[in-house]
All heavy atoms as atom14 arrays in JSON, in Angstrom:
{
  "sequence": "AVIRWSGGSTYYAGSVEGRFTISRDNAKNTVYLQM",
  "atom14_mask": [
    [1, 1, 1, 1, 1, 0, 0, 0, 0, 0, 0, 0, 0, 0],
    [1, 1, 1, 1, 1, 1, 1, 0, 0, 0, 0, 0, 0, 0],
    [1, 1, 1, 1, 1, 1, 1, 1, 0, 0, 0, 0, 0, 0],
    [1, 1, 1, 1, 1, 1, 1, 1, 1, 1, 1, 0, 0, 0],
    [1, 1, 1, 1, 1, 1, 1, 1, 1, 1, 1, 1, 1, 1],
    [1, 1, 1, 1, 1, 1, 0, 0, 0, 0, 0, 0, 0, 0],
    [1, 1, 1, 1, 0, 0, 0, 0, 0, 0, 0, 0, 0, 0],
    [1, 1, 1, 1, 0, 0, 0, 0, 0, 0, 0, 0, 0, 0],
    [1, 1, 1, 1, 1, 1, 0, 0, 0, 0, 0, 0, 0, 0],
    [1, 1, 1, 1, 1, 1, 1, 0, 0, 0, 0, 0, 0, 0],
    [1, 1, 1, 1, 1, 1, 1, 1, 1, 1, 1, 1, 0, 0],
    [1, 1, 1, 1, 1, 1, 1, 1, 1, 1, 1, 1, 0, 0],
    [1, 1, 1, 1, 1, 0, 0, 0, 0, 0, 0, 0, 0, 0],
    [1, 1, 1, 1, 0, 0, 0, 0, 0, 0, 0, 0, 0, 0],
    [1, 1, 1, 1, 1, 1, 0, 0, 0, 0, 0, 0, 0, 0],
    [1, 1, 1, 1, 1, 1, 1, 0, 0, 0, 0, 0, 0, 0],
    [1, 1, 1, 1, 1, 1, 1, 1, 1, 0, 0, 0, 0, 0],
    [1, 1, 1, 1, 0, 0, 0, 0, 0, 0, 0, 0, 0, 0],
    [1, 1, 1, 1, 1, 1, 1, 1, 1, 1, 1, 0, 0, 0],
    [1, 1, 1, 1, 1, 1, 1, 1, 1, 1, 1, 0, 0, 0],
    [1, 1, 1, 1, 1, 1, 1, 0, 0, 0, 0, 0, 0, 0],
    [1, 1, 1, 1, 1, 1, 1, 1, 0, 0, 0, 0, 0, 0],
    [1, 1, 1, 1, 1, 1, 0, 0, 0, 0, 0, 0, 0, 0],
    [1, 1, 1, 1, 1, 1, 1, 1, 1, 1, 1, 0, 0, 0],
    [1, 1, 1, 1, 1, 1, 1, 1, 0, 0, 0, 0, 0, 0],
    [1, 1, 1, 1, 1, 1, 1, 1, 0, 0, 0, 0, 0, 0],
    [1, 1, 1, 1, 1, 0, 0, 0, 0, 0, 0, 0, 0, 0],
    [1, 1, 1, 1, 1, 1, 1, 1, 1, 0, 0, 0, 0, 0],
    [1, 1, 1, 1, 1, 1, 1, 1, 0, 0, 0, 0, 0, 0],
    [1, 1, 1, 1, 1, 1, 1, 0, 0, 0, 0, 0, 0, 0],
    [1, 1, 1, 1, 1, 1, 1, 0, 0, 0, 0, 0, 0, 0],
    [1, 1, 1, 1, 1, 1, 1, 1, 1, 1, 1, 1, 0, 0],
    [1, 1, 1, 1, 1, 1, 1, 1, 0, 0, 0, 0, 0, 0],
    [1, 1, 1, 1, 1, 1, 1, 1, 1, 0, 0, 0, 0, 0],
    [1, 1, 1, 1, 1, 1, 1, 1, 0, 0, 0, 0, 0, 0]
  ],
  "atom14_positions": [
    [[0.85, -1.2, 0.0], [0.0, 0.0, 0.0], [0.88, 1.24, 0.0], [2.04, 1.19, 0.42], [-0.92, 0.01, 1.22], [0.0, 0.0, 0.0], [0.0, 0.0, 0.0], [0.0, 0.0, 0.0], [0.0, 0.0, 0.0], [0.0, 0.0, 0.0], [0.0, 0.0, 0.0], [0.0, 0.0, 0.0], [0.0, 0.0, 0.0], [0.0, 0.0, 0.0]],
    [[0.3, 2.36, -0.46], [1.02, 3.62, -0.46], [0.04, 4.75, -0.17], [-1.15, 4.65, -0.49], [1.74, 3.86, -1.81], [0.74, 4.02, -2.94], [2.66, 5.08, -1.73], [0.0, 0.0, 0.0], [0.0, 0.0, 0.0], [0.0, 0.0, 0.0], [0.0, 0.0, 0.0], [0.0, 0.0, 0.0], [0.0, 0.0, 0.0], [0.0, 0.0, 0.0]],
    [[0.56, 5.8, 0.47], [-0.24, 6.99, 0.74], [0.56, 8.22, 0.33], [1.76, 8.31, 0.62], [-0.67, 7.05, 2.22], [-1.64, 8.22, 2.45], [0.53, 7.14, 3.16], [-2.37, 8.13, 3.78], [0.0, 0.0, 0.0], [0.0, 0.0, 0.0], [0.0, 0.0, 0.0], [0.0, 0.0, 0.0], [0.0, 0.0, 0.0], [0.0, 0.0, 0.0]],
    [[-0.08, 9.1, -0.41], [0.56, 10.36, -0.8], [0.53, 11.3, 0.4], [-0.5, 11.44, 1.06], [-0.2, 11.0, -1.97], [-0.39, 10.09, -3.17], [0.88, 9.87, -3.91], [1.34, 11.03, -4.64], [1.13, 11.22, -5.94], [0.45, 10.34, -6.63], [1.61, 12.29, -6.53], [0.0, 0.0, 0.0], [0.0, 0.0, 0.0], [0.0, 0.0, 0.0]],
    [[1.68, 11.91, 0.7], [1.74, 12.75, 1.9], [0.85, 13.98, 1.77], [0.2, 14.39, 2.73], [3.18, 13.16, 2.17], [3.38, 13.49, 3.62], [3.47, 14.73, 4.17], [3.49, 12.55, 4.69], [3.64, 14.62, 5.53], [3.65, 13.3, 5.88], [3.47, 11.16, 4.77], [3.78, 12.7, 7.13], [3.6, 10.56, 6.0], [3.76, 11.33, 7.16]],
    [[0.82, 14.55, 0.59], [-0.04, 15.7, 0.35], [-1.34, 15.21, -0.29], [-1.33, 14.6, -1.34], [0.65, 16.69, -0.58], [-0.21, 17.77, -0.91], [0.0, 0.0, 0.0], [0.0, 0.0, 0.0], [0.0, 0.0, 0.0], [0.0, 0.0, 0.0], [0.0, 0.0, 0.0], [0.0, 0.0, 0.0], [0.0, 0.0, 0.0], [0.0, 0.0, 0.0]],
    [[-2.42, 15.43, 0.38], [-3.71, 14.99, -0.16], [-4.19, 13.68, 0.42], [-5.4, 13.46, 0.53], [0.0, 0.0, 0.0], [0.0, 0.0, 0.0], [0.0, 0.0, 0.0], [0.0, 0.0, 0.0], [0.0, 0.0, 0.0], [0.0, 0.0, 0.0], [0.0, 0.0, 0.0], [0.0, 0.0, 0.0], [0.0, 0.0, 0.0], [0.0, 0.0, 0.0]],
    [[-3.28, 12.8, 0.74], [-3.64, 11.55, 1.39], [-4.24, 10.48, 0.51], [-4.84, 9.53, 1.01], [0.0, 0.0, 0.0], [0.0, 0.0, 0.0], [0.0, 0.0, 0.0], [0.0, 0.0, 0.0], [0.0, 0.0, 0.0], [0.0, 0.0, 0.0], [0.0, 0.0, 0.0], [0.0, 0.0, 0.0], [0.0, 0.0, 0.0], [0.0, 0.0, 0.0]],
    [[-4.09, 10.6, -0.8], [-4.65, 9.55, -1.65], [-3.89, 8.25, -1.42], [-2.7, 8.25, -1.09], [-4.59, 9.95, -3.12], [-3.26, 10.15, -3.53], [0.0, 0.0, 0.0], [0.0, 0.0, 0.0], [0.0, 0.0, 0.0], [0.0, 0.0, 0.0], [0.0, 0.0, 0.0], [0.0, 0.0, 0.0], [0.0, 0.0, 0.0], [0.0, 0.0, 0.0]],
    [[-4.6, 7.14, -1.59], [-4.04, 5.82, -1.29], [-4.17, 4.88, -2.48], [-5.0, 5.09, -3.38], [-4.75, 5.2, -0.07], [-6.14, 5.09, -0.36], [-4.55, 6.06, 1.17], [0.0, 0.0, 0.0], [0.0, 0.0, 0.0], [0.0, 0.0, 0.0], [0.0, 0.0, 0.0], [0.0, 0.0, 0.0], [0.0, 0.0, 0.0], [0.0, 0.0, 0.0]],
    [[-3.37, 3.84, -2.43], [-3.41, 2.82, -3.48], [-2.99, 1.52, -2.84], [-2.05, 1.5, -2.04], [-2.46, 3.2, -4.62], [-2.59, 2.34, -5.85], [-3.54, 2.63, -6.82], [-1.77, 1.24, -6.04], [-3.67, 1.85, -7.95], [-1.88, 0.45, -7.17], [-2.83, 0.76, -8.13], [-2.95, 0.0, -9.26], [0.0, 0.0, 0.0], [0.0, 0.0, 0.0]],
    [[-3.67, 0.42, -3.19], [-3.42, -0.87, -2.56], [-3.14, -1.96, -3.57], [-3.66, -1.93, -4.7], [-4.65, -1.28, -1.74], [-4.98, -0.35, -0.59], [-5.85, 0.7, -0.76], [-4.41, -0.56, 0.67], [-6.14, 1.56, 0.29], [-4.72, 0.29, 1.73], [-5.58, 1.35, 1.53], [-5.87, 2.18, 2.57], [0.0, 0.0, 0.0], [0.0, 0.0, 0.0]],
    [[-2.4, -2.94, -3.13], [-2.28, -4.17, -3.91], [-3.62, -4.88, -3.86], [-4.33, -4.84, -2.86], [-1.18, -5.06, -3.32], [0.0, 0.0, 0.0], [0.0, 0.0, 0.0], [0.0, 0.0, 0.0], [0.0, 0.0, 0.0], [0.0, 0.0, 0.0], [0.0, 0.0, 0.0], [0.0, 0.0, 0.0], [0.0, 0.0, 0.0], [0.0, 0.0, 0.0]],
    [[-3.94, -5.57, -4.95], [-5.21, -6.26, -5.02], [-5.4, -7.29, -3.93], [-6.52, -7.54, -3.47], [0.0, 0.0, 0.0], [0.0, 0.0, 0.0], [0.0, 0.0, 0.0], [0.0, 0.0, 0.0], [0.0, 0.0, 0.0], [0.0, 0.0, 0.0], [0.0, 0.0, 0.0], [0.0, 0.0, 0.0], [0.0, 0.0, 0.0], [0.0, 0.0, 0.0]],
    [[-4.29, -7.9, -3.5], [-4.37, -8.97, -2.51], [-4.76, -8.47, -1.11], [-5.16, -9.26, -0.26], [-3.03, -9.69, -2.42], [-2.0, -8.79, -2.07], [0.0, 0.0, 0.0], [0.0, 0.0, 0.0], [0.0, 0.0, 0.0], [0.0, 0.0, 0.0], [0.0, 0.0, 0.0], [0.0, 0.0, 0.0], [0.0, 0.0, 0.0], [0.0, 0.0, 0.0]],
    [[-4.64, -7.17, -0.86], [-4.95, -6.64, 0.46], [-6.09, -5.63, 0.45], [-6.57, -5.24, 1.52], [-3.71, -5.99, 1.12], [-2.53, -6.96, 1.11], [-3.33, -4.69, 0.43], [0.0, 0.0, 0.0], [0.0, 0.0, 0.0], [0.0, 0.0, 0.0], [0.0, 0.0, 0.0], [0.0, 0.0, 0.0], [0.0, 0.0, 0.0], [0.0, 0.0, 0.0]],
    [[-6.5, -5.2, -0.71], [-7.55, -4.18, -0.8], [-8.83, -4.68, -0.12], [-9.25, -5.82, -0.33], [-7.83, -3.8, -2.24], [-8.68, -2.56, -2.39], [-8.55, -1.94, -3.76], [-8.11, -2.64, -4.68], [-8.9, -0.75, -3.9], [0.0, 0.0, 0.0], [0.0, 0.0, 0.0], [0.0, 0.0, 0.0], [0.0, 0.0, 0.0], [0.0, 0.0, 0.0]],
    [[-9.39, -3.81, 0.7], [-10.59, -4.2, 1.45], [-10.28, -4.78, 2.81], [-11.17, -4.86, 3.67], [0.0, 0.0, 0.0], [0.0, 0.0, 0.0], [0.0, 0.0, 0.0], [0.0, 0.0, 0.0], [0.0, 0.0, 0.0], [0.0, 0.0, 0.0], [0.0, 0.0, 0.0], [0.0, 0.0, 0.0], [0.0, 0.0, 0.0], [0.0, 0.0, 0.0]],
    [[-9.04, -5.2, 3.03], [-8.65, -5.76, 4.33], [-7.66, -4.84, 5.06], [-7.67, -4.77, 6.29], [-8.0, -7.13, 4.14], [-8.9, -8.16, 3.5], [-8.27, -9.55, 3.54], [-7.03, -9.61, 2.78], [-5.86, -10.0, 3.3], [-5.78, -10.35, 4.58], [-4.77, -10.05, 2.54], [0.0, 0.0, 0.0], [0.0, 0.0, 0.0], [0.0, 0.0, 0.0]],
    [[-6.81, -4.18, 4.31], [-5.78, -3.31, 4.89], [-6.14, -1.85, 4.63], [-6.71, -1.51, 3.59], [-4.41, -3.57, 4.27], [-3.8, -4.9, 4.61], [-4.51, -5.91, 5.26], [-2.47, -5.16, 4.28], [-3.94, -7.12, 5.58], [-1.87, -6.37, 4.59], [-2.61, -7.35, 5.23], [0.0, 0.0, 0.0], [0.0, 0.0, 0.0], [0.0, 0.0, 0.0]],
    [[-5.76, -0.98, 5.56], [-5.97, 0.45, 5.41], [-4.7, 1.19, 5.8], [-4.18, 0.99, 6.91], [-7.13, 0.94, 6.29], [-8.33, 0.23, 5.95], [-7.37, 2.43, 6.07], [0.0, 0.0, 0.0], [0.0, 0.0, 0.0], [0.0, 0.0, 0.0], [0.0, 0.0, 0.0], [0.0, 0.0, 0.0], [0.0, 0.0, 0.0], [0.0, 0.0, 0.0]],
    [[-4.23, 2.03, 4.91], [-3.06, 2.85, 5.19], [-3.54, 4.26, 5.54], [-4.48, 4.78, 4.92], [-2.07, 2.87, 4.0], [-0.76, 3.55, 4.38], [-2.69, 3.49, 2.76], [0.34, 3.39, 3.34], [0.0, 0.0, 0.0], [0.0, 0.0, 0.0], [0.0, 0.0, 0.0], [0.0, 0.0, 0.0], [0.0, 0.0, 0.0], [0.0, 0.0, 0.0]],
    [[-2.91, 4.85, 6.54], [-3.28, 6.2, 6.95], [-2.04, 6.91, 7.47], [-1.0, 6.28, 7.7], [-4.37, 6.16, 8.02], [-3.91, 5.49, 9.18], [0.0, 0.0, 0.0], [0.0, 0.0, 0.0], [0.0, 0.0, 0.0], [0.0, 0.0, 0.0], [0.0, 0.0, 0.0], [0.0, 0.0, 0.0], [0.0, 0.0, 0.0], [0.0, 0.0, 0.0]],
    [[-2.17, 8.21, 7.69], [-1.02, 8.96, 8.17], [-1.45, 9.97, 9.21], [-2.59, 10.43, 9.22], [-0.31, 9.68, 7.01], [-1.03, 10.92, 6.51], [-0.54, 11.39, 5.2], [-1.02, 12.67, 4.78], [-2.28, 13.02, 4.54], [-3.24, 12.16, 4.75], [-2.57, 14.23, 4.11], [0.0, 0.0, 0.0], [0.0, 0.0, 0.0], [0.0, 0.0, 0.0]],
    [[-0.52, 10.31, 10.08], [-0.7, 11.36, 11.06], [0.45, 12.34, 10.84], [1.57, 12.09, 11.27], [-0.68, 10.78, 12.48], [-0.96, 11.83, 13.55], [-0.64, 13.01, 13.33], [-1.49, 11.45, 14.6], [0.0, 0.0, 0.0], [0.0, 0.0, 0.0], [0.0, 0.0, 0.0], [0.0, 0.0, 0.0], [0.0, 0.0, 0.0], [0.0, 0.0, 0.0]],
    [[0.15, 13.43, 10.14], [1.21, 14.37, 9.77], [1.92, 14.93, 10.99], [3.14, 15.1, 10.99], [0.63, 15.5, 8.93], [0.2, 15.04, 7.57], [0.04, 13.84, 7.33], [-0.02, 15.97, 6.67], [0.0, 0.0, 0.0], [0.0, 0.0, 0.0], [0.0, 0.0, 0.0], [0.0, 0.0, 0.0], [0.0, 0.0, 0.0], [0.0, 0.0, 0.0]],
    [[1.17, 15.23, 12.03], [1.76, 15.85, 13.21], [2.76, 14.93, 13.9], [3.72, 15.4, 14.51], [0.66, 16.25, 14.18], [0.0, 0.0, 0.0], [0.0, 0.0, 0.0], [0.0, 0.0, 0.0], [0.0, 0.0, 0.0], [0.0, 0.0, 0.0], [0.0, 0.0, 0.0], [0.0, 0.0, 0.0], [0.0, 0.0, 0.0], [0.0, 0.0, 0.0]],
    [[2.54, 13.63, 13.76], [3.43, 12.66, 14.41], [4.42, 12.06, 13.43], [5.19, 11.16, 13.82], [2.6, 11.55, 15.05], [1.71, 12.01, 16.18], [0.95, 10.83, 16.79], [0.08, 11.29, 17.95], [-0.67, 10.15, 18.55], [0.0, 0.0, 0.0], [0.0, 0.0, 0.0], [0.0, 0.0, 0.0], [0.0, 0.0, 0.0], [0.0, 0.0, 0.0]],
    [[4.39, 12.51, 12.17], [5.27, 11.92, 11.14], [5.17, 10.39, 11.14], [6.18, 9.69, 11.04], [6.72, 12.35, 11.36], [6.96, 13.78, 10.97], [6.27, 14.34, 10.13], [7.94, 14.4, 11.6], [0.0, 0.0, 0.0], [0.0, 0.0, 0.0], [0.0, 0.0, 0.0], [0.0, 0.0, 0.0], [0.0, 0.0, 0.0], [0.0, 0.0, 0.0]],
    [[3.95, 9.92, 11.23], [3.72, 8.48, 11.36], [2.73, 8.01, 10.32], [1.73, 8.68, 10.05], [3.21, 8.14, 12.76], [4.16, 8.58, 13.74], [2.98, 6.64, 12.91], [0.0, 0.0, 0.0], [0.0, 0.0, 0.0], [0.0, 0.0, 0.0], [0.0, 0.0, 0.0], [0.0, 0.0, 0.0], [0.0, 0.0, 0.0], [0.0, 0.0, 0.0]],
    [[3.02, 6.87, 9.74], [2.12, 6.2, 8.81], [1.73, 4.86, 9.42], [2.59, 4.15, 9.96], [2.77, 6.01, 7.43], [1.9, 5.13, 6.54], [3.01, 7.36, 6.77], [0.0, 0.0, 0.0], [0.0, 0.0, 0.0], [0.0, 0.0, 0.0], [0.0, 0.0, 0.0], [0.0, 0.0, 0.0], [0.0, 0.0, 0.0], [0.0, 0.0, 0.0]],
    [[0.46, 4.54, 9.32], [-0.07, 3.3, 9.9], [-0.54, 2.36, 8.79], [-0.95, 2.78, 7.72], [-1.24, 3.61, 10.82], [-0.91, 4.54, 11.95], [-1.2, 5.9, 11.86], [-0.29, 4.07, 13.11], [-0.89, 6.77, 12.89], [0.02, 4.94, 14.14], [-0.28, 6.29, 14.03], [0.03, 7.13, 15.05], [0.0, 0.0, 0.0], [0.0, 0.0, 0.0]],
    [[-0.49, 1.08, 9.11], [-1.1, 0.07, 8.25], [-1.98, -0.8, 9.13], [-1.47, -1.62, 9.9], [-0.04, -0.78, 7.54], [-0.6, -1.78, 6.52], [-1.2, -1.03, 5.33], [0.48, -2.75, 6.05], [0.0, 0.0, 0.0], [0.0, 0.0, 0.0], [0.0, 0.0, 0.0], [0.0, 0.0, 0.0], [0.0, 0.0, 0.0], [0.0, 0.0, 0.0]],
    [[-3.27, -0.58, 9.03], [-4.24, -1.39, 9.77], [-4.53, -2.63, 8.94], [-4.98, -2.51, 7.79], [-5.52, -0.6, 10.03], [-6.59, -1.4, 10.73], [-6.23, -1.76, 12.16], [-5.73, -0.93, 12.9], [-6.49, -3.0, 12.54], [0.0, 0.0, 0.0], [0.0, 0.0, 0.0], [0.0, 0.0, 0.0], [0.0, 0.0, 0.0], [0.0, 0.0, 0.0]],
    [[-4.28, -3.79, 9.52], [-4.45, -5.04, 8.8], [-5.53, -5.86, 9.48], [-5.36, -6.28, 10.64], [-3.13, -5.82, 8.76], [-1.97, -5.0, 8.2], [-0.45, -5.96, 8.02], [-0.09, -6.33, 9.72], [0.0, 0.0, 0.0], [0.0, 0.0, 0.0], [0.0, 0.0, 0.0], [0.0, 0.0, 0.0], [0.0, 0.0, 0.0], [0.0, 0.0, 0.0]]
  ]
}
């Protein structure tokens, strides 16, 4: 998965789409992957 830092658009591999979620917290400089 990938997330654009500006705008937050996301893209997933087909094998994980619908099960995994990528997100970011700009203030914490942290990116999460909820599986």
